[in-house]
């Protein structure tokens, strides 16, 4: 039996998934006794043919059964294993935010309060409060309820707004709970329009998930 034909027999048996030992023995014996290129047919009447033929048949059949058994195991394992999703998205930390103008503000000065509540400890925080440059806005300070040493803070004019930015330092964390970030500034006399003011909060969890919150103060 040539190698190509033997491979075909093995592949056909493996695809069946339910091996029939008796049937395979007959098929393998038939293949081994059939003449192939450059090979003489083994006479069934030869005194040594029966023992030799059945020894070879048993060995090949055992191999086929083993292949089929392993094939069935592999198929079962693949069927039981859930396919990985095309893209994995890790949910970010649960959080909410709200921007308001502090009730202590007056006709010449104001404070924008950003309340951020986190549902779990976060390892990364970036907070931006953008105060539109209308009515002579000038920064007078900022603060937050978390320790000042935990953040890098800046206030600068960017693209028509006074931008306050808090960035949590590497290695620091913010626990679950309510937190406040406040931006203070002077403005022209009168009631200032805060409808153009906005905030952005980006929070990162230990598992790599990220949450982004956006809103306004109007």
N, C-alpha and C. Protein backbone atom coordinates (compact mmCIF):
# COMPACT_ATOMS: atom_id res chain seq x y z
N UNK A 1 0.87 -1.21 0.00
CA UNK A 1 0.00 0.00 0.00
C UNK A 1 0.89 1.23 0.00
N UNK A 2 0.77 2.10 -1.01
CA UNK A 2 1.64 3.27 -1.08
C UNK A 2 1.25 4.30 -0.03
N UNK A 3 2.17 5.21 0.23
CA UNK A 3 1.99 6.21 1.30
C UNK A 3 0.78 7.10 1.05
N UNK A 4 0.59 7.50 -0.22
CA UNK A 4 -0.54 8.39 -0.53
C UNK A 4 -1.87 7.74 -0.20
N UNK A 5 -1.98 6.48 -0.57
CA UNK A 5 -3.24 5.78 -0.31
C UNK A 5 -3.45 5.57 1.18
N UNK A 6 -2.35 5.24 1.89
CA UNK A 6 -2.46 5.06 3.34
C UNK A 6 -2.90 6.35 4.02
N UNK A 7 -2.32 7.49 3.59
CA UNK A 7 -2.73 8.78 4.16
C UNK A 7 -4.21 9.05 3.91
N UNK A 8 -4.68 8.68 2.70
CA UNK A 8 -6.08 8.88 2.39
C UNK A 8 -6.98 8.06 3.30
N UNK A 9 -6.55 6.79 3.54
CA UNK A 9 -7.33 5.94 4.43
C UNK A 9 -7.38 6.53 5.84
N UNK A 10 -6.23 7.01 6.32
CA UNK A 10 -6.18 7.58 7.67
C UNK A 10 -7.03 8.83 7.78
N UNK A 11 -6.95 9.69 6.76
CA UNK A 11 -7.73 10.93 6.79
C UNK A 11 -9.22 10.64 6.76
N UNK A 12 -9.63 9.69 5.92
CA UNK A 12 -11.05 9.35 5.84
C UNK A 12 -11.55 8.78 7.17
N UNK A 13 -10.72 7.95 7.79
CA UNK A 13 -11.12 7.37 9.07
C UNK A 13 -11.20 8.43 10.16
N UNK A 14 -10.26 9.38 10.14
CA UNK A 14 -10.26 10.44 11.15
C UNK A 14 -11.48 11.33 11.03
N UNK A 15 -11.89 11.61 9.81
CA UNK A 15 -13.05 12.48 9.60
C UNK A 15 -14.34 11.82 10.06
N UNK A 16 -14.36 10.50 10.11
CA UNK A 16 -15.58 9.79 10.52
C UNK A 16 -15.86 9.98 12.00
N UNK A 17 -14.81 10.18 12.83
CA UNK A 17 -14.93 10.45 14.28
C UNK A 17 -15.47 9.28 15.09
N UNK A 18 -16.08 8.28 14.42
CA UNK A 18 -16.62 7.12 15.13
C UNK A 18 -16.00 5.86 14.54
N UNK A 19 -14.84 5.46 15.01
CA UNK A 19 -14.11 4.35 14.39
C UNK A 19 -14.84 3.01 14.53
N UNK A 20 -14.86 2.26 13.45
CA UNK A 20 -15.39 0.90 13.44
C UNK A 20 -14.18 -0.01 13.25
N UNK A 21 -13.72 -0.65 14.33
CA UNK A 21 -12.46 -1.40 14.29
C UNK A 21 -12.49 -2.51 13.25
N UNK A 22 -13.58 -3.27 13.23
CA UNK A 22 -13.65 -4.39 12.29
C UNK A 22 -13.58 -3.90 10.85
N UNK A 23 -14.30 -2.80 10.59
CA UNK A 23 -14.32 -2.27 9.22
C UNK A 23 -12.94 -1.78 8.81
N UNK A 24 -12.26 -1.13 9.76
CA UNK A 24 -10.93 -0.61 9.43
C UNK A 24 -9.94 -1.74 9.19
N UNK A 25 -10.04 -2.81 9.97
CA UNK A 25 -9.13 -3.94 9.77
C UNK A 25 -9.27 -4.52 8.36
N UNK A 26 -10.54 -4.66 7.93
CA UNK A 26 -10.79 -5.20 6.60
C UNK A 26 -10.25 -4.27 5.53
N UNK A 27 -10.49 -2.97 5.69
CA UNK A 27 -10.06 -2.00 4.68
C UNK A 27 -8.54 -1.91 4.61
N UNK A 28 -7.89 -1.92 5.79
CA UNK A 28 -6.43 -1.84 5.79
C UNK A 28 -5.82 -3.09 5.19
N UNK A 29 -6.43 -4.28 5.55
CA UNK A 29 -5.91 -5.54 4.99
C UNK A 29 -6.04 -5.53 3.48
N UNK A 30 -7.20 -5.05 2.98
CA UNK A 30 -7.42 -5.01 1.53
C UNK A 30 -6.37 -4.12 0.86
N UNK A 31 -6.11 -2.97 1.53
CA UNK A 31 -5.13 -2.07 0.94
C UNK A 31 -3.74 -2.64 0.94
N UNK A 32 -3.38 -3.38 2.00
CA UNK A 32 -2.04 -3.95 2.06
C UNK A 32 -1.84 -5.10 1.09
N UNK A 33 -2.90 -5.82 0.79
CA UNK A 33 -2.76 -6.95 -0.13
C UNK A 33 -2.89 -6.52 -1.58
N UNK A 34 -3.38 -5.27 -1.80
CA UNK A 34 -3.51 -4.79 -3.19
C UNK A 34 -2.14 -4.42 -3.72
N UNK A 35 -1.86 -4.73 -5.00
CA UNK A 35 -0.55 -4.38 -5.57
C UNK A 35 -0.41 -2.89 -5.73
N UNK A 36 0.78 -2.41 -5.51
CA UNK A 36 1.09 -0.99 -5.71
C UNK A 36 2.28 -0.86 -6.63
N UNK A 37 2.67 0.37 -6.97
CA UNK A 37 3.81 0.60 -7.87
C UNK A 37 5.08 -0.03 -7.30
N UNK A 38 5.71 -0.90 -8.09
CA UNK A 38 6.96 -1.50 -7.68
C UNK A 38 6.82 -2.48 -6.52
N UNK A 39 5.64 -3.04 -6.31
CA UNK A 39 5.41 -3.92 -5.16
C UNK A 39 4.52 -5.08 -5.59
N UNK A 40 4.95 -6.29 -5.24
CA UNK A 40 4.18 -7.47 -5.63
C UNK A 40 3.06 -7.73 -4.63
N UNK A 41 1.98 -8.31 -5.12
CA UNK A 41 0.85 -8.66 -4.26
C UNK A 41 1.24 -9.84 -3.37
N UNK A 42 0.83 -9.78 -2.07
CA UNK A 42 1.15 -10.87 -1.15
C UNK A 42 0.10 -11.95 -1.31
N UNK A 43 0.49 -13.14 -1.69
CA UNK A 43 -0.50 -14.23 -1.85
C UNK A 43 -1.09 -14.59 -0.50
N UNK A 44 -2.39 -14.76 -0.45
CA UNK A 44 -3.04 -15.15 0.78
C UNK A 44 -2.63 -16.57 1.19
N UNK A 45 -2.21 -17.39 0.20
CA UNK A 45 -1.88 -18.77 0.50
C UNK A 45 -0.48 -18.94 1.06
N UNK A 46 0.33 -17.88 1.05
CA UNK A 46 1.70 -17.99 1.55
C UNK A 46 1.66 -18.36 3.02
N UNK A 47 2.51 -19.32 3.46
CA UNK A 47 2.44 -19.80 4.83
C UNK A 47 2.70 -18.72 5.86
N UNK A 48 3.47 -17.70 5.48
CA UNK A 48 3.80 -16.64 6.44
C UNK A 48 2.93 -15.40 6.27
N UNK A 49 2.08 -15.43 5.20
CA UNK A 49 1.35 -14.21 4.85
C UNK A 49 0.33 -13.84 5.92
N UNK A 50 -0.39 -14.83 6.47
CA UNK A 50 -1.46 -14.50 7.41
C UNK A 50 -0.93 -13.80 8.65
N UNK A 51 0.13 -14.43 9.25
CA UNK A 51 0.67 -13.84 10.48
C UNK A 51 1.27 -12.47 10.20
N UNK A 52 2.04 -12.35 9.15
CA UNK A 52 2.70 -11.07 8.83
C UNK A 52 1.68 -9.99 8.50
N UNK A 53 0.67 -10.41 7.65
CA UNK A 53 -0.33 -9.45 7.23
C UNK A 53 -1.13 -8.93 8.41
N UNK A 54 -1.58 -9.82 9.31
CA UNK A 54 -2.42 -9.38 10.43
C UNK A 54 -1.63 -8.62 11.47
N UNK A 55 -0.34 -8.90 11.57
CA UNK A 55 0.50 -8.09 12.48
C UNK A 55 0.57 -6.66 11.98
N UNK A 56 0.79 -6.50 10.67
CA UNK A 56 0.86 -5.15 10.08
C UNK A 56 -0.49 -4.45 10.16
N UNK A 57 -1.55 -5.25 9.86
CA UNK A 57 -2.89 -4.67 9.91
C UNK A 57 -3.21 -4.16 11.30
N UNK A 58 -2.87 -4.95 12.30
CA UNK A 58 -3.17 -4.55 13.69
C UNK A 58 -2.42 -3.28 14.05
N UNK A 59 -1.15 -3.20 13.60
CA UNK A 59 -0.36 -2.00 13.93
C UNK A 59 -0.94 -0.76 13.27
N UNK A 60 -1.29 -0.88 11.98
CA UNK A 60 -1.86 0.26 11.27
C UNK A 60 -3.21 0.64 11.85
N UNK A 61 -4.03 -0.36 12.16
CA UNK A 61 -5.35 -0.08 12.72
C UNK A 61 -5.24 0.63 14.06
N UNK A 62 -4.27 0.19 14.87
CA UNK A 62 -4.08 0.85 16.16
C UNK A 62 -3.72 2.30 15.97
N UNK A 63 -2.88 2.54 14.96
CA UNK A 63 -2.50 3.93 14.67
C UNK A 63 -3.70 4.75 14.24
N UNK A 64 -4.56 4.15 13.38
CA UNK A 64 -5.75 4.85 12.91
C UNK A 64 -6.67 5.17 14.06
N UNK A 65 -6.91 4.18 14.95
CA UNK A 65 -7.79 4.40 16.08
C UNK A 65 -7.24 5.50 16.96
N UNK A 66 -5.91 5.49 17.16
CA UNK A 66 -5.30 6.53 17.98
C UNK A 66 -5.48 7.90 17.37
N UNK A 67 -5.29 7.99 16.04
CA UNK A 67 -5.46 9.27 15.36
C UNK A 67 -6.89 9.75 15.47
N UNK A 68 -7.84 8.84 15.25
CA UNK A 68 -9.25 9.21 15.33
C UNK A 68 -9.60 9.65 16.74
N UNK A 69 -9.08 8.91 17.74
CA UNK A 69 -9.37 9.28 19.12
C UNK A 69 -8.85 10.65 19.45
N UNK A 70 -7.61 10.93 19.06
CA UNK A 70 -7.04 12.25 19.30
C UNK A 70 -7.77 13.31 18.53
N UNK A 71 -8.18 12.97 17.29
CA UNK A 71 -8.92 13.95 16.50
C UNK A 71 -10.23 14.32 17.17
N UNK A 72 -10.94 13.29 17.70
CA UNK A 72 -12.19 13.58 18.39
C UNK A 72 -11.96 14.42 19.61
N UNK A 73 -10.86 14.14 20.34
CA UNK A 73 -10.54 14.94 21.53
C UNK A 73 -10.27 16.38 21.16
N UNK A 74 -9.52 16.59 20.08
CA UNK A 74 -9.20 17.95 19.65
C UNK A 74 -10.46 18.70 19.24
N UNK A 75 -11.34 18.02 18.51
CA UNK A 75 -12.58 18.67 18.08
C UNK A 75 -13.41 19.06 19.29
N UNK A 76 -13.50 18.15 20.27
CA UNK A 76 -14.28 18.46 21.47
C UNK A 76 -13.70 19.65 22.20
N UNK A 77 -12.36 19.66 22.31
CA UNK A 77 -11.72 20.76 23.02
C UNK A 77 -11.98 22.09 22.32
N UNK A 78 -11.91 22.09 21.01
CA UNK A 78 -12.14 23.32 20.26
C UNK A 78 -13.59 23.76 20.35
N UNK A 79 -14.51 22.78 20.36
CA UNK A 79 -15.92 23.15 20.47
C UNK A 79 -16.26 23.69 21.84
N UNK A 80 -15.61 23.13 22.89
CA UNK A 80 -15.89 23.57 24.25
C UNK A 80 -15.25 24.91 24.58
N UNK A 81 -14.17 25.25 23.87
CA UNK A 81 -13.46 26.49 24.15
C UNK A 81 -14.13 27.65 23.44
N UNK A 82 -14.55 28.70 24.15
CA UNK A 82 -15.19 29.85 23.49
C UNK A 82 -14.21 30.59 22.60
N UNK A 83 -14.70 31.00 21.45
CA UNK A 83 -13.84 31.74 20.53
C UNK A 83 -13.51 33.11 21.10
N UNK A 84 -12.24 33.53 21.01
CA UNK A 84 -11.88 34.85 21.54
C UNK A 84 -12.55 35.95 20.72
N UNK A 85 -12.99 37.00 21.36
CA UNK A 85 -13.64 38.09 20.64
C UNK A 85 -12.66 38.80 19.72
N UNK A 86 -13.19 39.39 18.67
CA UNK A 86 -12.33 40.10 17.72
C UNK A 86 -11.61 41.25 18.39
N UNK A 87 -12.26 41.94 19.28
CA UNK A 87 -11.64 43.04 20.00
C UNK A 87 -12.11 43.06 21.45
N UNK A 88 -11.19 43.12 22.36
CA UNK A 88 -11.54 43.08 23.77
C UNK A 88 -11.55 44.49 24.33
N UNK A 89 -12.65 44.88 24.95
CA UNK A 89 -12.77 46.19 25.57
C UNK A 89 -12.97 46.01 27.07
N UNK A 90 -12.02 46.50 27.84
CA UNK A 90 -12.11 46.40 29.29
C UNK A 90 -12.93 47.57 29.81
N UNK A 91 -14.02 47.30 30.56
CA UNK A 91 -14.83 48.40 31.06
C UNK A 91 -14.03 49.27 32.03
N UNK A 92 -14.26 50.56 31.97
CA UNK A 92 -13.55 51.49 32.84
C UNK A 92 -14.19 51.63 34.21
N UNK A 93 -13.55 52.36 35.11
CA UNK A 93 -14.09 52.53 36.46
C UNK A 93 -15.46 53.21 36.44
N UNK A 94 -16.35 52.77 37.30
CA UNK A 94 -17.66 53.42 37.40
C UNK A 94 -17.48 54.80 38.03
N UNK A 95 -18.04 55.81 37.42
CA UNK A 95 -17.87 57.19 37.93
C UNK A 95 -18.94 58.09 37.36
N UNK A 96 -19.12 59.24 38.02
CA UNK A 96 -20.02 60.27 37.50
C UNK A 96 -19.44 61.63 37.85
N UNK A 97 -19.86 62.64 37.12
CA UNK A 97 -19.33 64.00 37.34
C UNK A 97 -20.42 65.03 37.09
N UNK A 98 -20.27 66.18 37.75
CA UNK A 98 -21.23 67.28 37.58
C UNK A 98 -20.51 68.60 37.80
N UNK A 99 -20.73 69.55 36.89
CA UNK A 99 -20.11 70.86 36.99
C UNK A 99 -21.12 71.92 37.41
N UNK A 100 -20.75 72.77 38.37
CA UNK A 100 -21.63 73.84 38.84
C UNK A 100 -20.81 75.08 39.14
N UNK A 101 -21.47 76.24 39.17
CA UNK A 101 -20.84 77.48 39.60
C UNK A 101 -21.07 77.61 41.10
N UNK A 102 -19.99 77.77 41.84
CA UNK A 102 -20.09 77.82 43.30
C UNK A 102 -21.02 78.95 43.75
N UNK A 103 -21.92 78.67 44.70
CA UNK A 103 -22.85 79.72 45.16
C UNK A 103 -22.15 80.90 45.83
N UNK A 104 -20.89 80.75 46.19
CA UNK A 104 -20.15 81.85 46.78
C UNK A 104 -19.59 82.83 45.75
N UNK A 105 -19.81 82.57 44.48
CA UNK A 105 -19.33 83.48 43.43
C UNK A 105 -20.06 84.81 43.50
N UNK A 106 -19.44 85.89 42.99
CA UNK A 106 -20.07 87.21 43.04
C UNK A 106 -19.97 87.92 41.69
N UNK A 107 -20.21 89.21 41.67
CA UNK A 107 -20.25 89.95 40.41
C UNK A 107 -18.88 90.19 39.80
N UNK A 108 -17.81 89.92 40.52
CA UNK A 108 -16.46 90.15 39.99
C UNK A 108 -15.58 88.88 40.00
N UNK A 109 -16.04 87.90 40.71
CA UNK A 109 -15.22 86.67 40.91
C UNK A 109 -16.13 85.44 40.90
N UNK A 110 -15.54 84.31 40.43
CA UNK A 110 -16.35 83.07 40.39
C UNK A 110 -15.47 81.85 40.62
N UNK A 111 -16.14 80.79 40.98
CA UNK A 111 -15.46 79.50 41.15
C UNK A 111 -16.29 78.42 40.48
N UNK A 112 -15.62 77.66 39.59
CA UNK A 112 -16.28 76.53 38.91
C UNK A 112 -15.95 75.26 39.68
N UNK A 113 -16.97 74.60 40.20
CA UNK A 113 -16.78 73.37 40.97
C UNK A 113 -17.10 72.15 40.12
N UNK A 114 -16.17 71.21 40.10
CA UNK A 114 -16.39 69.95 39.39
C UNK A 114 -16.39 68.83 40.42
N UNK A 115 -17.54 68.20 40.61
CA UNK A 115 -17.68 67.09 41.55
C UNK A 115 -17.54 65.77 40.78
N UNK A 116 -16.57 64.96 41.18
CA UNK A 116 -16.32 63.66 40.55
C UNK A 116 -16.48 62.58 41.62
N UNK A 117 -17.32 61.61 41.36
CA UNK A 117 -17.52 60.49 42.29
C UNK A 117 -17.07 59.21 41.62
N UNK A 118 -16.13 58.52 42.24
CA UNK A 118 -15.61 57.27 41.69
C UNK A 118 -16.15 56.10 42.50
N UNK A 119 -16.51 55.03 41.79
CA UNK A 119 -17.06 53.85 42.45
C UNK A 119 -16.01 52.89 42.93
N UNK A 120 -14.75 53.10 42.53
CA UNK A 120 -13.65 52.23 42.94
C UNK A 120 -12.36 53.02 42.88
N UNK A 121 -11.31 52.46 43.44
CA UNK A 121 -10.02 53.12 43.39
C UNK A 121 -9.55 53.25 41.94
N UNK A 122 -8.97 54.39 41.59
CA UNK A 122 -8.45 54.61 40.25
C UNK A 122 -6.97 54.91 40.33
N UNK A 123 -6.25 54.51 39.30
CA UNK A 123 -4.80 54.69 39.28
C UNK A 123 -4.36 55.79 38.32
N UNK A 124 -5.30 56.30 37.55
CA UNK A 124 -4.99 57.38 36.62
C UNK A 124 -6.11 58.40 36.58
N UNK A 125 -5.78 59.68 36.70
CA UNK A 125 -6.79 60.75 36.67
C UNK A 125 -6.25 61.94 35.89
N UNK A 126 -7.04 62.41 34.94
CA UNK A 126 -6.76 63.67 34.26
C UNK A 126 -8.05 64.46 34.23
N UNK A 127 -8.02 65.67 34.79
CA UNK A 127 -9.20 66.52 34.86
C UNK A 127 -8.89 67.84 34.15
N UNK A 128 -9.79 68.23 33.26
CA UNK A 128 -9.65 69.52 32.58
C UNK A 128 -10.93 70.34 32.78
N UNK A 129 -10.75 71.58 33.20
CA UNK A 129 -11.86 72.53 33.29
C UNK A 129 -11.52 73.69 32.36
N UNK A 130 -12.38 73.90 31.39
CA UNK A 130 -12.15 74.96 30.41
C UNK A 130 -13.14 76.10 30.66
N UNK A 131 -12.60 77.27 31.00
CA UNK A 131 -13.41 78.46 31.26
C UNK A 131 -13.27 79.40 30.06
N UNK A 132 -14.37 79.61 29.37
CA UNK A 132 -14.32 80.44 28.16
C UNK A 132 -13.81 81.84 28.50
N UNK A 133 -12.96 82.40 27.61
CA UNK A 133 -12.38 83.73 27.85
C UNK A 133 -13.37 84.81 27.41
N UNK A 134 -14.41 84.95 28.18
CA UNK A 134 -15.38 86.02 27.91
C UNK A 134 -15.49 86.90 29.17
N UNK A 135 -15.58 88.18 28.98
CA UNK A 135 -15.74 89.08 30.14
C UNK A 135 -14.52 89.22 31.01
N UNK A 136 -13.30 89.29 30.41
CA UNK A 136 -12.09 89.56 31.18
C UNK A 136 -11.73 88.50 32.21
N UNK A 137 -11.82 87.23 31.86
CA UNK A 137 -11.50 86.13 32.77
C UNK A 137 -9.99 86.06 33.03
N UNK A 138 -9.61 86.02 34.31
CA UNK A 138 -8.20 85.90 34.73
C UNK A 138 -8.13 84.93 35.90
N UNK A 139 -7.21 83.97 35.83
CA UNK A 139 -7.11 82.96 36.88
C UNK A 139 -6.68 83.58 38.22
N UNK A 140 -7.30 83.12 39.29
CA UNK A 140 -6.92 83.54 40.65
C UNK A 140 -6.56 82.34 41.54
N UNK A 141 -6.62 81.13 40.98
CA UNK A 141 -6.21 79.96 41.77
C UNK A 141 -7.03 78.73 41.47
N UNK A 142 -6.73 77.68 42.24
CA UNK A 142 -7.42 76.39 42.06
C UNK A 142 -7.16 75.55 43.30
N UNK A 143 -7.96 74.51 43.49
CA UNK A 143 -7.74 73.58 44.59
C UNK A 143 -8.50 72.28 44.31
N UNK A 144 -8.24 71.30 45.14
CA UNK A 144 -8.91 70.01 45.02
C UNK A 144 -8.96 69.39 46.40
N UNK A 145 -9.88 68.49 46.61
CA UNK A 145 -10.04 67.86 47.92
C UNK A 145 -8.98 66.80 48.19
N UNK A 146 -8.36 66.23 47.16
CA UNK A 146 -7.28 65.28 47.34
C UNK A 146 -6.00 66.04 47.65
N UNK A 147 -4.97 65.37 48.25
CA UNK A 147 -3.71 66.04 48.60
C UNK A 147 -3.07 66.71 47.39
N UNK A 148 -2.58 67.93 47.59
CA UNK A 148 -1.97 68.70 46.50
C UNK A 148 -0.76 67.99 45.91
N UNK A 149 -0.01 67.25 46.76
CA UNK A 149 1.19 66.56 46.28
C UNK A 149 0.88 65.39 45.36
N UNK A 150 -0.38 64.98 45.29
CA UNK A 150 -0.75 63.85 44.42
C UNK A 150 -0.92 64.26 42.97
N UNK A 151 -1.02 65.58 42.71
CA UNK A 151 -1.33 66.05 41.36
C UNK A 151 -0.31 67.05 40.82
N UNK A 152 -0.19 67.04 39.52
CA UNK A 152 0.48 68.11 38.80
C UNK A 152 -0.61 69.00 38.25
N UNK A 153 -0.60 70.30 38.59
CA UNK A 153 -1.70 71.19 38.23
C UNK A 153 -1.15 72.37 37.41
N UNK A 154 -1.92 72.76 36.40
CA UNK A 154 -1.53 73.91 35.58
C UNK A 154 -2.76 74.71 35.21
N UNK A 155 -2.55 75.98 34.90
CA UNK A 155 -3.63 76.87 34.43
C UNK A 155 -3.04 77.77 33.36
N UNK A 156 -3.57 77.68 32.15
CA UNK A 156 -3.02 78.45 31.04
C UNK A 156 -4.10 78.66 29.98
N UNK A 157 -3.93 79.70 29.19
CA UNK A 157 -4.87 79.99 28.10
C UNK A 157 -4.57 79.10 26.91
N UNK A 158 -5.60 78.45 26.41
CA UNK A 158 -5.46 77.55 25.26
C UNK A 158 -6.71 77.67 24.39
N UNK A 159 -6.55 78.06 23.16
CA UNK A 159 -7.64 78.07 22.18
C UNK A 159 -8.89 78.76 22.69
N UNK A 160 -8.75 79.98 23.16
CA UNK A 160 -9.92 80.76 23.58
C UNK A 160 -10.51 80.39 24.91
N UNK A 161 -9.75 79.67 25.74
CA UNK A 161 -10.25 79.28 27.06
C UNK A 161 -9.12 79.29 28.07
N UNK A 162 -9.47 79.51 29.33
CA UNK A 162 -8.54 79.37 30.43
C UNK A 162 -8.68 77.93 30.91
N UNK A 163 -7.61 77.13 30.71
CA UNK A 163 -7.69 75.68 30.95
C UNK A 163 -6.96 75.33 32.25
N UNK A 164 -7.70 74.72 33.17
CA UNK A 164 -7.13 74.17 34.41
C UNK A 164 -7.00 72.66 34.21
N UNK A 165 -5.82 72.16 34.51
CA UNK A 165 -5.59 70.72 34.27
C UNK A 165 -4.95 70.08 35.50
N UNK A 166 -5.57 69.03 35.99
CA UNK A 166 -5.04 68.22 37.09
C UNK A 166 -4.65 66.84 36.54
N UNK A 167 -3.42 66.40 36.83
CA UNK A 167 -2.96 65.08 36.39
C UNK A 167 -2.40 64.33 37.59
N UNK A 168 -2.96 63.17 37.86
CA UNK A 168 -2.50 62.35 38.99
C UNK A 168 -1.08 61.87 38.71
N UNK A 169 -0.20 62.02 39.69
CA UNK A 169 1.19 61.62 39.53
C UNK A 169 1.32 60.10 39.49
N UNK A 170 2.36 59.63 38.81
CA UNK A 170 2.61 58.19 38.69
C UNK A 170 2.80 57.57 40.08
N UNK A 171 2.17 56.44 40.29
CA UNK A 171 2.29 55.74 41.56
C UNK A 171 1.27 56.16 42.60
N UNK A 172 0.53 57.25 42.35
CA UNK A 172 -0.51 57.69 43.28
C UNK A 172 -1.85 57.11 42.86
N UNK A 173 -2.77 57.03 43.78
CA UNK A 173 -4.11 56.52 43.50
C UNK A 173 -5.15 57.45 44.12
N UNK A 174 -6.38 57.33 43.62
CA UNK A 174 -7.51 58.07 44.17
C UNK A 174 -8.54 57.04 44.62
N UNK A 175 -8.94 57.05 45.88
CA UNK A 175 -9.89 56.03 46.37
C UNK A 175 -11.31 56.29 45.88
N UNK A 176 -12.14 55.30 46.09
CA UNK A 176 -13.56 55.47 45.75
C UNK A 176 -14.16 56.55 46.64
N UNK A 177 -15.10 57.31 46.06
CA UNK A 177 -15.76 58.34 46.85
C UNK A 177 -15.91 59.64 46.10
N UNK A 178 -16.44 60.68 46.75
CA UNK A 178 -16.61 61.99 46.10
C UNK A 178 -15.33 62.82 46.18
N UNK A 179 -15.05 63.53 45.09
CA UNK A 179 -13.86 64.39 45.03
C UNK A 179 -14.26 65.67 44.30
N UNK A 180 -13.62 66.79 44.68
CA UNK A 180 -13.94 68.07 44.06
C UNK A 180 -12.69 68.73 43.51
N UNK A 181 -12.84 69.29 42.30
CA UNK A 181 -11.78 70.07 41.66
C UNK A 181 -12.38 71.45 41.38
N UNK A 182 -11.68 72.51 41.84
CA UNK A 182 -12.25 73.86 41.73
C UNK A 182 -11.30 74.79 40.98
N UNK A 183 -11.87 75.55 40.06
CA UNK A 183 -11.13 76.56 39.29
C UNK A 183 -11.66 77.95 39.68
N UNK A 184 -10.78 78.88 40.03
CA UNK A 184 -11.17 80.22 40.48
C UNK A 184 -10.65 81.27 39.50
N UNK A 185 -11.43 82.32 39.32
CA UNK A 185 -11.04 83.36 38.35
C UNK A 185 -11.83 84.64 38.58
N UNK A 186 -11.23 85.73 38.20
CA UNK A 186 -11.91 87.02 38.17
C UNK A 186 -12.58 87.18 36.82
N UNK A 187 -13.58 88.04 36.75
CA UNK A 187 -14.24 88.34 35.48
C UNK A 187 -14.82 89.74 35.54
N UNK A 188 -15.27 90.23 34.41
CA UNK A 188 -15.84 91.58 34.35
C UNK A 188 -17.07 91.66 35.25
N UNK A 189 -17.38 92.82 35.73
CA UNK A 189 -18.49 93.01 36.64
C UNK A 189 -19.81 92.56 35.99
N UNK A 190 -20.59 91.88 36.80
CA UNK A 190 -21.88 91.41 36.31
C UNK A 190 -21.99 89.90 36.42
N UNK A 191 -23.09 89.39 35.95
CA UNK A 191 -23.32 87.94 35.96
C UNK A 191 -22.67 87.35 34.71
N UNK A 192 -21.68 86.52 34.91
CA UNK A 192 -20.94 85.94 33.77
C UNK A 192 -21.70 84.75 33.18
N UNK A 193 -21.68 84.67 31.85
CA UNK A 193 -22.30 83.55 31.13
C UNK A 193 -21.33 82.36 31.14
N UNK A 194 -21.73 81.28 31.78
CA UNK A 194 -20.87 80.09 31.87
C UNK A 194 -21.28 78.98 30.90
N UNK A 195 -22.16 79.29 29.98
CA UNK A 195 -22.65 78.25 29.07
C UNK A 195 -21.55 77.69 28.15
N UNK A 196 -20.47 78.45 27.98
CA UNK A 196 -19.37 77.97 27.12
C UNK A 196 -18.29 77.22 27.88
N UNK A 197 -18.44 77.05 29.20
CA UNK A 197 -17.45 76.35 30.01
C UNK A 197 -17.71 74.83 29.96
N UNK A 198 -16.64 74.07 29.94
CA UNK A 198 -16.78 72.60 29.84
C UNK A 198 -15.76 71.91 30.74
N UNK A 199 -15.98 70.62 30.93
CA UNK A 199 -15.01 69.80 31.66
C UNK A 199 -14.84 68.46 30.97
N UNK A 200 -13.67 67.85 31.18
CA UNK A 200 -13.38 66.49 30.71
C UNK A 200 -12.64 65.76 31.82
N UNK A 201 -13.09 64.57 32.13
CA UNK A 201 -12.45 63.75 33.16
C UNK A 201 -12.11 62.39 32.55
N UNK A 202 -10.86 61.96 32.69
CA UNK A 202 -10.43 60.64 32.21
C UNK A 202 -9.89 59.86 33.40
N UNK A 203 -10.50 58.70 33.66
CA UNK A 203 -10.13 57.86 34.79
C UNK A 203 -9.65 56.50 34.29
N UNK A 204 -8.60 55.98 34.92
CA UNK A 204 -8.07 54.67 34.55
C UNK A 204 -8.06 53.74 35.76
N UNK A 205 -8.45 52.47 35.54
CA UNK A 205 -8.44 51.48 36.61
C UNK A 205 -7.21 50.62 36.57
N UNK A 206 -7.01 49.79 37.58
CA UNK A 206 -5.85 48.91 37.64
C UNK A 206 -5.82 47.90 36.51
N UNK A 207 -7.00 47.52 36.02
CA UNK A 207 -7.07 46.52 34.95
C UNK A 207 -6.91 47.12 33.56
N UNK A 208 -6.63 48.44 33.49
CA UNK A 208 -6.43 49.07 32.19
C UNK A 208 -7.67 49.69 31.60
N UNK A 209 -8.83 49.48 32.21
CA UNK A 209 -10.06 50.09 31.70
C UNK A 209 -10.03 51.61 31.87
N UNK A 210 -10.71 52.29 30.97
CA UNK A 210 -10.71 53.76 30.99
C UNK A 210 -12.13 54.30 30.86
N UNK A 211 -12.40 55.34 31.66
CA UNK A 211 -13.70 56.01 31.63
C UNK A 211 -13.49 57.49 31.33
N UNK A 212 -14.28 58.03 30.39
CA UNK A 212 -14.21 59.45 30.05
C UNK A 212 -15.55 60.10 30.31
N UNK A 213 -15.53 61.20 31.05
CA UNK A 213 -16.74 61.95 31.38
C UNK A 213 -16.61 63.36 30.85
N UNK A 214 -17.69 63.87 30.24
CA UNK A 214 -17.69 65.23 29.69
C UNK A 214 -18.99 65.94 30.06
N UNK A 215 -18.88 67.26 30.19
CA UNK A 215 -20.07 68.02 30.51
C UNK A 215 -19.77 69.50 30.56
N UNK A 216 -20.70 70.28 31.10
CA UNK A 216 -20.53 71.72 31.15
C UNK A 216 -20.93 72.30 32.49
N UNK A 217 -20.88 73.64 32.59
CA UNK A 217 -21.22 74.36 33.81
C UNK A 217 -22.42 75.28 33.62
N UNK A 218 -22.93 75.33 32.38
CA UNK A 218 -24.06 76.19 32.11
C UNK A 218 -25.28 75.64 32.73
